[in-house]
C-alpha atoms as a PDB file:
ATOM      1  CA  MET A   1      14.554 -55.944   4.402  1.00  0.00           C
ATOM      2  CA  SER A   2      13.414 -58.798   6.619  1.00  0.00           C
ATOM      3  CA  GLU A   3      15.838 -60.853   8.654  1.00  0.00           C
ATOM      4  CA  ILE A   4      16.970 -64.252   7.366  1.00  0.00           C
ATOM      5  CA  VAL A   5      16.567 -66.925  10.038  1.00  0.00           C
ATOM      6  CA  ILE A   6      18.438 -70.224   9.675  1.00  0.00           C
ATOM      7  CA  ARG A   7      17.073 -73.265  11.488  1.00  0.00           C
ATOM      8  CA  HIS A   8      16.987 -77.036  11.200  1.00  0.00           C
ATOM      9  CA  ALA A   9      14.414 -78.318   8.699  1.00  0.00           C
ATOM     10  CA  ALA A  10      11.240 -79.918  10.022  1.00  0.00           C
ATOM     11  CA  VAL A  11       8.764 -82.332   8.452  1.00  0.00           C
ATOM     12  CA  GLU A  12       6.319 -79.421   8.226  1.00  0.00           C
ATOM     13  CA  ASP A  13       8.717 -77.745   5.752  1.00  0.00           C
ATOM     14  CA  ALA A  14       8.149 -80.431   3.100  1.00  0.00           C
ATOM     15  CA  ALA A  15       5.478 -78.465   1.198  1.00  0.00           C
ATOM     16  CA  ALA A  16       7.664 -75.339   1.044  1.00  0.00           C
ATOM     17  CA  LEU A  17      10.684 -77.348  -0.108  1.00  0.00           C
ATOM     18  CA  TYR A  18       8.496 -79.105  -2.672  1.00  0.00           C
ATOM     19  CA  ARG A  19       7.485 -75.674  -4.023  1.00  0.00           C
ATOM     20  CA  ILE A  20      11.137 -74.579  -4.295  1.00  0.00           C
ATOM     21  CA  LEU A  21      12.362 -77.835  -5.857  1.00  0.00           C
ATOM     22  CA  SER A  22       9.507 -77.676  -8.400  1.00  0.00           C
ATOM     23  CA  GLN A  23      10.762 -74.367  -9.791  1.00  0.00           C
ATOM     24  CA  PRO A  24      12.558 -74.730 -13.148  1.00  0.00           C
ATOM     25  CA  GLU A  25      15.174 -72.261 -11.896  1.00  0.00           C
ATOM     26  CA  THR A  26      15.983 -74.698  -9.081  1.00  0.00           C
ATOM     27  CA  TYR A  27      16.089 -78.023 -10.831  1.00  0.00           C
ATOM     28  CA  THR A  28      17.989 -76.522 -13.787  1.00  0.00           C
ATOM     29  CA  ASP A  29      20.885 -75.539 -11.495  1.00  0.00           C
ATOM     30  CA  THR A  30      20.892 -78.698  -9.335  1.00  0.00           C
ATOM     31  CA  LEU A  31      20.913 -82.447  -9.929  1.00  0.00           C
ATOM     32  CA  GLN A  32      17.193 -82.568  -9.070  1.00  0.00           C
ATOM     33  CA  ILE A  33      14.765 -83.551 -11.809  1.00  0.00           C
ATOM     34  CA  PRO A  34      11.388 -81.965 -12.562  1.00  0.00           C
ATOM     35  CA  HIS A  35       8.334 -83.115 -10.622  1.00  0.00           C
ATOM     36  CA  PRO A  36       9.798 -83.898  -7.198  1.00  0.00           C
ATOM     37  CA  SER A  37       7.891 -86.193  -4.871  1.00  0.00           C
ATOM     38  CA  LEU A  38       6.273 -84.523  -1.869  1.00  0.00           C
ATOM     39  CA  HIS A  39       6.053 -87.925  -0.165  1.00  0.00           C
ATOM     40  CA  LEU A  40       9.793 -88.536  -0.638  1.00  0.00           C
ATOM     41  CA  LEU A  41      10.603 -85.096   0.778  1.00  0.00           C
ATOM     42  CA  GLN A  42       8.449 -85.815   3.817  1.00  0.00           C
ATOM     43  CA  GLU A  43      10.222 -89.158   4.346  1.00  0.00           C
ATOM     44  CA  ARG A  44      13.675 -87.573   4.047  1.00  0.00           C
ATOM     45  CA  LEU A  45      12.787 -84.938   6.607  1.00  0.00           C
ATOM     46  CA  GLN A  46      11.264 -87.529   8.931  1.00  0.00           C
ATOM     47  CA  LYS A  47      14.139 -90.021   8.752  1.00  0.00           C
ATOM     48  CA  LEU A  48      17.312 -87.982   8.799  1.00  0.00           C
ATOM     49  CA  GLN A  49      20.303 -90.148   7.896  1.00  0.00           C
ATOM     50  CA  PRO A  50      23.359 -90.268  10.203  1.00  0.00           C
ATOM     51  CA  GLY A  51      25.799 -87.465   9.438  1.00  0.00           C
ATOM     52  CA  MET A  52      23.121 -85.402   7.695  1.00  0.00           C
ATOM     53  CA  GLN A  53      22.121 -81.861   8.590  1.00  0.00           C
ATOM     54  CA  ARG A  54      19.240 -80.113   6.820  1.00  0.00           C
ATOM     55  CA  LEU A  55      18.998 -76.368   7.262  1.00  0.00           C
ATOM     56  CA  VAL A  56      16.338 -74.015   5.976  1.00  0.00           C
ATOM     57  CA  ALA A  57      16.422 -70.259   5.549  1.00  0.00           C
ATOM     58  CA  CYS A  58      13.262 -68.378   6.474  1.00  0.00           C
ATOM     59  CA  ILE A  59      12.142 -64.834   5.788  1.00  0.00           C
ATOM     60  CA  ASP A  60       9.051 -63.750   7.717  1.00  0.00           C
ATOM     61  CA  GLU A  61       8.628 -67.397   8.775  1.00  0.00           C
ATOM     62  CA  GLN A  62       8.433 -68.568   5.147  1.00  0.00           C
ATOM     63  CA  VAL A  63      10.962 -71.184   3.971  1.00  0.00           C
ATOM     64  CA  VAL A  64      12.912 -69.628   1.091  1.00  0.00           C
ATOM     65  CA  GLY A  65      15.990 -71.852   0.870  1.00  0.00           C
ATOM     66  CA  GLU A  66      17.568 -75.106   1.976  1.00  0.00           C
ATOM     67  CA  LEU A  67      21.034 -76.504   2.499  1.00  0.00           C
ATOM     68  CA  TYR A  68      21.693 -80.160   3.226  1.00  0.00           C
ATOM     69  CA  LEU A  69      25.074 -81.127   4.594  1.00  0.00           C
ATOM     70  CA  GLU A  70      26.329 -84.688   4.663  1.00  0.00           C
ATOM     71  CA  VAL A  71      29.399 -85.528   6.730  1.00  0.00           C
ATOM     72  CA  ASN A  72      31.131 -88.544   5.254  1.00  0.00           C
ATOM     73  CA  GLY A  73      30.736 -91.611   7.469  1.00  0.00           C
ATOM     74  CA  ARG A  74      33.563 -93.670   5.986  1.00  0.00           C
ATOM     75  CA  ALA A  75      36.434 -94.096   8.439  1.00  0.00           C
ATOM     76  CA  ARG A  76      39.111 -92.491   6.292  1.00  0.00           C
ATOM     77  CA  ARG A  77      36.855 -89.682   5.025  1.00  0.00           C
ATOM     78  CA  ARG A  78      35.137 -88.532   8.236  1.00  0.00           C
ATOM     79  CA  HIS A  79      36.960 -85.206   7.970  1.00  0.00           C
ATOM     80  CA  THR A  80      35.041 -84.409   4.759  1.00  0.00           C
ATOM     81  CA  ALA A  81      31.528 -83.288   3.907  1.00  0.00           C
ATOM     82  CA  THR A  82      29.491 -82.398   0.865  1.00  0.00           C
ATOM     83  CA  PHE A  83      26.383 -80.266   0.509  1.00  0.00           C
ATOM     84  CA  GLY A  84      23.580 -79.120  -1.749  1.00  0.00           C
ATOM     85  CA  LEU A  85      21.906 -75.736  -1.776  1.00  0.00           C
ATOM     86  CA  CYS A  86      18.760 -74.258  -3.301  1.00  0.00           C
ATOM     87  CA  VAL A  87      16.978 -70.913  -2.994  1.00  0.00           C
ATOM     88  CA  ASP A  88      13.447 -69.954  -4.024  1.00  0.00           C
ATOM     89  CA  CYS A  89      13.759 -68.071  -7.327  1.00  0.00           C
ATOM     90  CA  HIS A  90      11.691 -65.183  -5.892  1.00  0.00           C
ATOM     91  CA  TYR A  91      14.241 -64.632  -3.100  1.00  0.00           C
ATOM     92  CA  ARG A  92      17.513 -64.848  -4.991  1.00  0.00           C
ATOM     93  CA  GLY A  93      19.902 -61.935  -4.639  1.00  0.00           C
ATOM     94  CA  ARG A  94      18.742 -61.213  -1.064  1.00  0.00           C
ATOM     95  CA  GLY A  95      21.544 -62.982   0.845  1.00  0.00           C
ATOM     96  CA  VAL A  96      19.713 -66.267   1.445  1.00  0.00           C
ATOM     97  CA  ALA A  97      22.441 -68.475  -0.061  1.00  0.00           C
ATOM     98  CA  SER A  98      25.154 -66.538   1.781  1.00  0.00           C
ATOM     99  CA  ALA A  99      23.343 -66.948   5.106  1.00  0.00           C
ATOM    100  CA  LEU A 100      22.991 -70.704   4.549  1.00  0.00           C
ATOM    101  CA  MET A 101      26.650 -70.991   3.508  1.00  0.00           C
ATOM    102  CA  GLN A 102      27.817 -69.019   6.553  1.00  0.00           C
ATOM    103  CA  GLU A 103      25.924 -71.308   8.922  1.00  0.00           C
ATOM    104  CA  MET A 104      27.142 -74.449   7.147  1.00  0.00           C
ATOM    105  CA  VAL A 105      30.787 -73.351   7.262  1.00  0.00           C
ATOM    106  CA  SER A 106      30.412 -72.497  10.955  1.00  0.00           C
ATOM    107  CA  LEU A 107      28.941 -75.941  11.683  1.00  0.00           C
ATOM    108  CA  CYS A 108      31.781 -77.643   9.822  1.00  0.00           C
ATOM    109  CA  ASP A 109      34.563 -75.538  11.366  1.00  0.00           C
ATOM    110  CA  ASN A 110      33.308 -75.268  14.928  1.00  0.00           C
ATOM    111  CA  TRP A 111      31.097 -78.259  15.671  1.00  0.00           C
ATOM    112  CA  LEU A 112      31.495 -81.169  13.267  1.00  0.00           C
ATOM    113  CA  GLY A 113      35.267 -81.516  12.867  1.00  0.00           C
ATOM    114  CA  VAL A 114      35.028 -81.180   9.093  1.00  0.00           C
ATOM    115  CA  GLU A 115      38.252 -79.995   7.493  1.00  0.00           C
ATOM    116  CA  ARG A 116      37.336 -80.406   3.824  1.00  0.00           C
ATOM    117  CA  ILE A 117      33.993 -79.408   2.275  1.00  0.00           C
ATOM    118  CA  GLU A 118      33.450 -80.643  -1.279  1.00  0.00           C
ATOM    119  CA  LEU A 119      30.919 -79.810  -3.969  1.00  0.00           C
ATOM    120  CA  THR A 120      30.125 -80.051  -7.637  1.00  0.00           C
ATOM    121  CA  VAL A 121      28.571 -77.132  -9.485  1.00  0.00           C
ATOM    122  CA  PHE A 122      27.623 -76.713 -13.119  1.00  0.00           C
ATOM    123  CA  ALA A 123      30.537 -74.943 -14.812  1.00  0.00           C
ATOM    124  CA  ASP A 124      28.256 -72.303 -16.359  1.00  0.00           C
ATOM    125  CA  ASN A 125      26.573 -71.368 -13.045  1.00  0.00           C
ATOM    126  CA  ASP A 126      28.679 -68.236 -12.546  1.00  0.00           C
ATOM    127  CA  VAL A 127      26.581 -66.882  -9.666  1.00  0.00           C
ATOM    128  CA  ALA A 128      27.031 -70.070  -7.628  1.00  0.00           C
ATOM    129  CA  VAL A 129      30.749 -70.346  -8.454  1.00  0.00           C
ATOM    130  CA  ARG A 130      31.324 -66.776  -7.220  1.00  0.00           C
ATOM    131  CA  LEU A 131      29.343 -67.515  -4.031  1.00  0.00           C
ATOM    132  CA  TYR A 132      31.467 -70.580  -3.289  1.00  0.00           C
ATOM    133  CA  GLN A 133      34.681 -68.682  -4.021  1.00  0.00           C
ATOM    134  CA  ARG A 134      33.664 -65.990  -1.489  1.00  0.00           C
ATOM    135  CA  PHE A 135      33.551 -68.763   1.127  1.00  0.00           C
ATOM    136  CA  GLY A 136      37.029 -70.038   0.287  1.00  0.00           C
ATOM    137  CA  PHE A 137      36.216 -72.774  -2.233  1.00  0.00           C
ATOM    138  CA  THR A 138      38.645 -73.335  -5.084  1.00  0.00           C
ATOM    139  CA  THR A 139      38.242 -75.309  -8.288  1.00  0.00           C
ATOM    140  CA  GLU A 140      40.104 -78.602  -8.232  1.00  0.00           C
ATOM    141  CA  GLY A 141      38.976 -80.005 -11.582  1.00  0.00           C
ATOM    142  CA  VAL A 142      36.419 -80.171 -14.362  1.00  0.00           C
ATOM    143  CA  ALA A 143      34.055 -83.082 -14.954  1.00  0.00           C
ATOM    144  CA  ARG A 144      33.290 -83.109 -18.670  1.00  0.00           C
ATOM    145  CA  ARG A 145      29.720 -84.010 -19.649  1.00  0.00           C
ATOM    146  CA  PHE A 146      28.911 -84.481 -15.950  1.00  0.00           C
ATOM    147  CA  ALA A 147      25.108 -84.436 -16.165  1.00  0.00           C
ATOM    148  CA  ILE A 148      22.180 -83.964 -18.506  1.00  0.00           C
ATOM    149  CA  ARG A 149      20.307 -80.668 -18.319  1.00  0.00           C
ATOM    150  CA  ASN A 150      17.516 -79.801 -20.729  1.00  0.00           C
ATOM    151  CA  GLY A 151      18.612 -82.603 -23.064  1.00  0.00           C
ATOM    152  CA  GLU A 152      22.287 -81.618 -23.219  1.00  0.00           C
ATOM    153  CA  GLN A 153      25.340 -82.913 -21.390  1.00  0.00           C
ATOM    154  CA  VAL A 154      26.963 -80.171 -19.310  1.00  0.00           C
ATOM    155  CA  ASP A 155      30.260 -79.836 -17.488  1.00  0.00           C
ATOM    156  CA  ALA A 156      30.674 -79.406 -13.752  1.00  0.00           C
ATOM    157  CA  LEU A 157      33.438 -78.096 -11.551  1.00  0.00           C
ATOM    158  CA  TYR A 158      34.811 -79.988  -8.577  1.00  0.00           C
ATOM    159  CA  MET A 159      35.385 -77.429  -5.840  1.00  0.00           C
ATOM    160  CA  ALA A 160      36.549 -77.746  -2.236  1.00  0.00           C
ATOM    161  CA  ARG A 161      37.273 -75.627   0.816  1.00  0.00           C
ATOM    162  CA  LEU A 162      40.019 -76.683   3.224  1.00  0.00           C
ATOM    163  CA  ARG A 163      39.807 -75.375   6.768  1.00  0.00           C
ATOM    164  CA  GLU A 164      42.858 -73.370   7.719  1.00  0.00           C
ATOM    165  CA  LYS A 165      44.805 -74.858  10.612  1.00  0.00           C
END
């Protein structure tokens, strides 16, 4: 099996991310909608917002996953962050999400001063929930009818990981 390399995203990664975000398996499990904009992806990669980190996972130099991390900029919430994660459907089950999560947790714990990482995940996405639990996330609540997916309102879980002191 090829090594998974994690690095910061570059503008040149826009086409690969566009391909991943265009996959029904990706937008079904995220808050993305079908038909993403390549131009918007290029702009986001070009103009990184303060507090934002964008990581990509590569196998054999091909981008196969992404994790964006946003550290909260509000004065009383600077110790918190949230993130989003997606993996190319052809590379799932190969450790890509785990490698991205490991790097994100390391950044938060060792470099960014983040003590609380928050996320929402669709309640029926058992694979993702188990991944987050392996990294110390616990469910803090349920958001009923959180979002629309394929014409139906679906629930989401609020999950968080608190850094041990």
